[in-house]
N, C-alpha and C. Protein backbone atom coordinates (compact mmCIF):
# COMPACT_ATOMS: atom_id res chain seq x y z
N MET A 1 96.96 53.70 263.49
CA MET A 1 96.85 52.41 262.85
C MET A 1 95.97 52.49 261.59
N ASP A 2 94.89 53.22 261.68
CA ASP A 2 94.03 53.41 260.52
C ASP A 2 94.78 54.07 259.38
N ARG A 3 95.59 55.01 259.74
CA ARG A 3 96.39 55.73 258.73
C ARG A 3 97.35 54.76 258.04
N LEU A 4 97.95 53.86 258.79
CA LEU A 4 98.87 52.87 258.24
C LEU A 4 98.12 51.92 257.30
N GLN A 5 96.94 51.49 257.67
CA GLN A 5 96.14 50.61 256.82
C GLN A 5 95.71 51.34 255.54
N GLU A 6 95.40 52.62 255.69
CA GLU A 6 95.02 53.43 254.52
C GLU A 6 96.19 53.55 253.56
N LEU A 7 97.37 53.81 254.10
CA LEU A 7 98.57 53.90 253.26
C LEU A 7 98.88 52.55 252.61
N GLU A 8 98.72 51.49 253.39
CA GLU A 8 98.97 50.15 252.85
C GLU A 8 98.01 49.85 251.71
N GLY A 9 96.77 50.24 251.83
CA GLY A 9 95.77 50.06 250.78
C GLY A 9 96.14 50.84 249.53
N LYS A 10 96.61 52.07 249.73
CA LYS A 10 97.01 52.90 248.58
C LYS A 10 98.24 52.32 247.89
N VAL A 11 99.18 51.78 248.69
CA VAL A 11 100.38 51.17 248.10
C VAL A 11 99.97 49.94 247.28
N LYS A 12 99.07 49.11 247.82
CA LYS A 12 98.61 47.92 247.10
C LYS A 12 97.90 48.33 245.81
N GLU A 13 97.12 49.38 245.91
CA GLU A 13 96.43 49.89 244.72
C GLU A 13 97.43 50.38 243.68
N ALA A 14 98.46 51.10 244.14
CA ALA A 14 99.49 51.60 243.22
C ALA A 14 100.25 50.44 242.59
N VAL A 15 100.56 49.41 243.36
CA VAL A 15 101.26 48.23 242.85
C VAL A 15 100.39 47.52 241.81
N ALA A 16 99.10 47.40 242.09
CA ALA A 16 98.18 46.75 241.14
C ALA A 16 98.12 47.54 239.84
N ILE A 17 98.05 48.86 239.96
CA ILE A 17 98.03 49.71 238.77
C ILE A 17 99.33 49.56 238.00
N LEU A 18 100.44 49.50 238.71
CA LEU A 18 101.76 49.34 238.06
C LEU A 18 101.83 48.00 237.34
N GLN A 19 101.35 46.93 237.97
CA GLN A 19 101.37 45.61 237.33
C GLN A 19 100.47 45.59 236.09
N GLU A 20 99.32 46.20 236.21
CA GLU A 20 98.41 46.27 235.07
C GLU A 20 99.04 47.07 233.93
N SER A 21 99.71 48.16 234.29
CA SER A 21 100.37 48.99 233.27
C SER A 21 101.48 48.20 232.58
N ARG A 22 102.23 47.45 233.35
CA ARG A 22 103.30 46.63 232.76
C ARG A 22 102.71 45.57 231.82
N ALA A 23 101.63 44.94 232.24
CA ALA A 23 100.99 43.92 231.39
C ALA A 23 100.47 44.58 230.10
N GLN A 24 99.89 45.75 230.21
CA GLN A 24 99.41 46.47 229.04
C GLN A 24 100.57 46.86 228.13
N LYS A 25 101.69 47.25 228.74
CA LYS A 25 102.87 47.62 227.95
C LYS A 25 103.36 46.42 227.15
N VAL A 26 103.44 45.26 227.79
CA VAL A 26 103.87 44.04 227.11
C VAL A 26 102.92 43.72 225.96
N ALA A 27 101.62 43.82 226.22
CA ALA A 27 100.62 43.53 225.18
C ALA A 27 100.76 44.53 224.03
N LEU A 28 100.96 45.79 224.36
CA LEU A 28 101.10 46.81 223.32
C LEU A 28 102.39 46.61 222.51
N GLU A 29 103.46 46.23 223.18
CA GLU A 29 104.71 45.97 222.46
C GLU A 29 104.54 44.79 221.51
N ALA A 30 103.82 43.75 221.94
CA ALA A 30 103.56 42.60 221.07
C ALA A 30 102.71 43.03 219.88
N ARG A 31 101.72 43.87 220.13
CA ARG A 31 100.85 44.36 219.05
C ARG A 31 101.65 45.20 218.06
N ILE A 32 102.57 46.02 218.59
CA ILE A 32 103.43 46.85 217.73
C ILE A 32 104.29 45.96 216.84
N LYS A 33 104.88 44.91 217.42
CA LYS A 33 105.69 44.00 216.61
C LYS A 33 104.85 43.32 215.53
N GLU A 34 103.64 42.93 215.90
CA GLU A 34 102.74 42.30 214.93
C GLU A 34 102.43 43.28 213.79
N LEU A 35 102.12 44.52 214.15
CA LEU A 35 101.79 45.52 213.13
C LEU A 35 103.00 45.86 212.27
N GLU A 36 104.17 45.91 212.89
CA GLU A 36 105.39 46.17 212.10
C GLU A 36 105.61 45.04 211.11
N GLY A 37 105.37 43.80 211.54
CA GLY A 37 105.50 42.65 210.64
C GLY A 37 104.51 42.74 209.48
N ARG A 38 103.28 43.14 209.78
CA ARG A 38 102.29 43.30 208.73
C ARG A 38 102.68 44.43 207.78
N MET A 39 103.21 45.52 208.35
CA MET A 39 103.65 46.63 207.50
C MET A 39 104.78 46.20 206.58
N ASP A 40 105.73 45.43 207.11
CA ASP A 40 106.82 44.94 206.28
C ASP A 40 106.28 44.04 205.16
N SER A 41 105.33 43.19 205.52
CA SER A 41 104.73 42.30 204.54
C SER A 41 103.99 43.10 203.46
N LEU A 42 103.25 44.10 203.88
CA LEU A 42 102.54 44.95 202.92
C LEU A 42 103.51 45.74 202.05
N ALA A 43 104.59 46.21 202.65
CA ALA A 43 105.60 46.95 201.87
C ALA A 43 106.21 46.04 200.81
N ASP A 44 106.48 44.78 201.18
CA ASP A 44 107.00 43.82 200.21
C ASP A 44 106.00 43.58 199.09
N ALA A 45 104.73 43.46 199.46
CA ALA A 45 103.70 43.24 198.45
C ALA A 45 103.60 44.44 197.51
N VAL A 46 103.70 45.63 198.05
CA VAL A 46 103.65 46.85 197.22
C VAL A 46 104.85 46.87 196.27
N ARG A 47 106.03 46.53 196.78
CA ARG A 47 107.22 46.49 195.92
C ARG A 47 107.05 45.49 194.79
N ARG A 48 106.52 44.31 195.12
CA ARG A 48 106.29 43.29 194.08
C ARG A 48 105.29 43.79 193.05
N GLU A 49 104.22 44.41 193.52
CA GLU A 49 103.20 44.94 192.60
C GLU A 49 103.80 46.03 191.71
N GLN A 50 104.64 46.87 192.28
CA GLN A 50 105.27 47.93 191.48
C GLN A 50 106.20 47.34 190.43
N GLN A 51 106.94 46.30 190.81
CA GLN A 51 107.82 45.65 189.85
C GLN A 51 107.00 45.01 188.73
N GLU A 52 105.91 44.35 189.11
CA GLU A 52 105.05 43.72 188.11
C GLU A 52 104.44 44.79 187.20
N LYS A 53 104.02 45.88 187.78
CA LYS A 53 103.45 46.98 186.99
C LYS A 53 104.48 47.51 186.00
N GLU A 54 105.72 47.65 186.45
CA GLU A 54 106.78 48.14 185.55
C GLU A 54 107.05 47.14 184.44
N GLN A 55 107.03 45.84 184.76
CA GLN A 55 107.22 44.81 183.74
C GLN A 55 106.08 44.85 182.72
N ILE A 56 104.88 45.03 183.20
CA ILE A 56 103.72 45.11 182.30
C ILE A 56 103.84 46.35 181.43
N ARG A 57 104.26 47.47 182.02
CA ARG A 57 104.43 48.70 181.25
C ARG A 57 105.48 48.51 180.15
N THR A 58 106.58 47.85 180.50
CA THR A 58 107.64 47.60 179.52
C THR A 58 107.12 46.69 178.40
N SER A 59 106.38 45.64 178.78
CA SER A 59 105.82 44.73 177.77
C SER A 59 104.83 45.47 176.88
N LEU A 60 104.03 46.33 177.47
CA LEU A 60 103.06 47.09 176.69
C LEU A 60 103.76 48.02 175.70
N GLN A 61 104.82 48.66 176.14
CA GLN A 61 105.58 49.54 175.24
C GLN A 61 106.17 48.74 174.09
N ARG A 62 106.69 47.55 174.43
CA ARG A 62 107.27 46.70 173.39
C ARG A 62 106.19 46.25 172.40
N LEU A 63 105.02 45.89 172.92
CA LEU A 63 103.92 45.48 172.04
C LEU A 63 103.44 46.64 171.17
N GLU A 64 103.39 47.83 171.74
CA GLU A 64 102.99 48.99 170.95
C GLU A 64 103.99 49.26 169.84
N ALA A 65 105.28 49.12 170.15
CA ALA A 65 106.31 49.31 169.12
C ALA A 65 106.17 48.25 168.04
N ASP A 66 105.93 47.00 168.45
CA ASP A 66 105.74 45.92 167.48
C ASP A 66 104.51 46.19 166.60
N ARG A 67 103.44 46.65 167.24
CA ARG A 67 102.22 46.94 166.49
C ARG A 67 102.46 48.03 165.45
N GLU A 68 103.20 49.06 165.84
CA GLU A 68 103.50 50.14 164.90
C GLU A 68 104.36 49.63 163.74
N GLU A 69 105.30 48.73 164.06
CA GLU A 69 106.15 48.16 163.01
C GLU A 69 105.30 47.33 162.05
N VAL A 70 104.40 46.52 162.58
CA VAL A 70 103.52 45.70 161.74
C VAL A 70 102.61 46.59 160.91
N ARG A 71 102.07 47.65 161.54
CA ARG A 71 101.21 48.57 160.80
C ARG A 71 101.97 49.21 159.63
N ALA A 72 103.20 49.61 159.88
CA ALA A 72 104.01 50.23 158.82
C ALA A 72 104.26 49.22 157.70
N ARG A 73 104.55 47.96 158.06
CA ARG A 73 104.77 46.94 157.04
C ARG A 73 103.51 46.68 156.23
N VAL A 74 102.36 46.60 156.92
CA VAL A 74 101.09 46.36 156.22
C VAL A 74 100.80 47.52 155.28
N GLU A 75 100.99 48.73 155.75
CA GLU A 75 100.75 49.90 154.90
C GLU A 75 101.68 49.88 153.67
N ALA A 76 102.94 49.50 153.90
CA ALA A 76 103.89 49.41 152.77
C ALA A 76 103.43 48.33 151.79
N LEU A 77 102.98 47.20 152.32
CA LEU A 77 102.49 46.12 151.44
C LEU A 77 101.24 46.57 150.69
N LEU A 78 100.33 47.28 151.35
CA LEU A 78 99.13 47.76 150.68
C LEU A 78 99.47 48.74 149.57
N GLU A 79 100.46 49.60 149.84
CA GLU A 79 100.90 50.53 148.80
C GLU A 79 101.50 49.77 147.62
N GLU A 80 102.27 48.74 147.92
CA GLU A 80 102.87 47.92 146.87
C GLU A 80 101.79 47.20 146.05
N VAL A 81 100.79 46.69 146.75
CA VAL A 81 99.67 46.02 146.05
C VAL A 81 98.94 47.03 145.19
N ALA A 82 98.70 48.23 145.72
CA ALA A 82 98.00 49.26 144.95
C ALA A 82 98.82 49.63 143.71
N ARG A 83 100.13 49.74 143.84
CA ARG A 83 100.99 50.04 142.67
C ARG A 83 100.94 48.91 141.65
N ALA A 84 100.95 47.67 142.15
CA ALA A 84 100.91 46.51 141.26
C ALA A 84 99.58 46.47 140.51
N GLU A 85 98.50 46.75 141.24
CA GLU A 85 97.17 46.78 140.59
C GLU A 85 97.10 47.88 139.56
N ALA A 86 97.66 49.03 139.89
CA ALA A 86 97.65 50.16 138.95
C ALA A 86 98.47 49.82 137.71
N ALA A 87 99.60 49.16 137.91
CA ALA A 87 100.45 48.77 136.77
C ALA A 87 99.72 47.75 135.91
N MET A 88 98.99 46.83 136.54
CA MET A 88 98.25 45.83 135.78
C MET A 88 97.11 46.48 134.98
N ARG A 89 96.49 47.49 135.56
CA ARG A 89 95.41 48.19 134.84
C ARG A 89 95.97 48.94 133.63
N GLU A 90 97.15 49.50 133.81
CA GLU A 90 97.76 50.24 132.70
C GLU A 90 98.13 49.32 131.55
N ARG A 91 98.48 48.10 131.85
CA ARG A 91 98.88 47.13 130.81
C ARG A 91 97.68 46.63 130.04
N ARG A 92 96.52 46.70 130.59
CA ARG A 92 95.31 46.18 129.92
C ARG A 92 94.85 47.10 128.89
């Protein structure tokens, strides 16, 4: 009889461990889903940031090209002014 009670106690202990393991599994699966959701959200944020970075890079390149064009025009105008001043000095 003692042996039967001992076995019954071990079975109850095993069942309790199994129930606890199942509860932990459910909790871990919920945590995994939560983390996967956060990872997806972070991946979306990274994609948006990369797109914004690319747009900024494109705008910067366009502004640099515009700046170079303006610089070339200003230099051409300065050369023209210098020629005009030189021509005016020669006429005096």
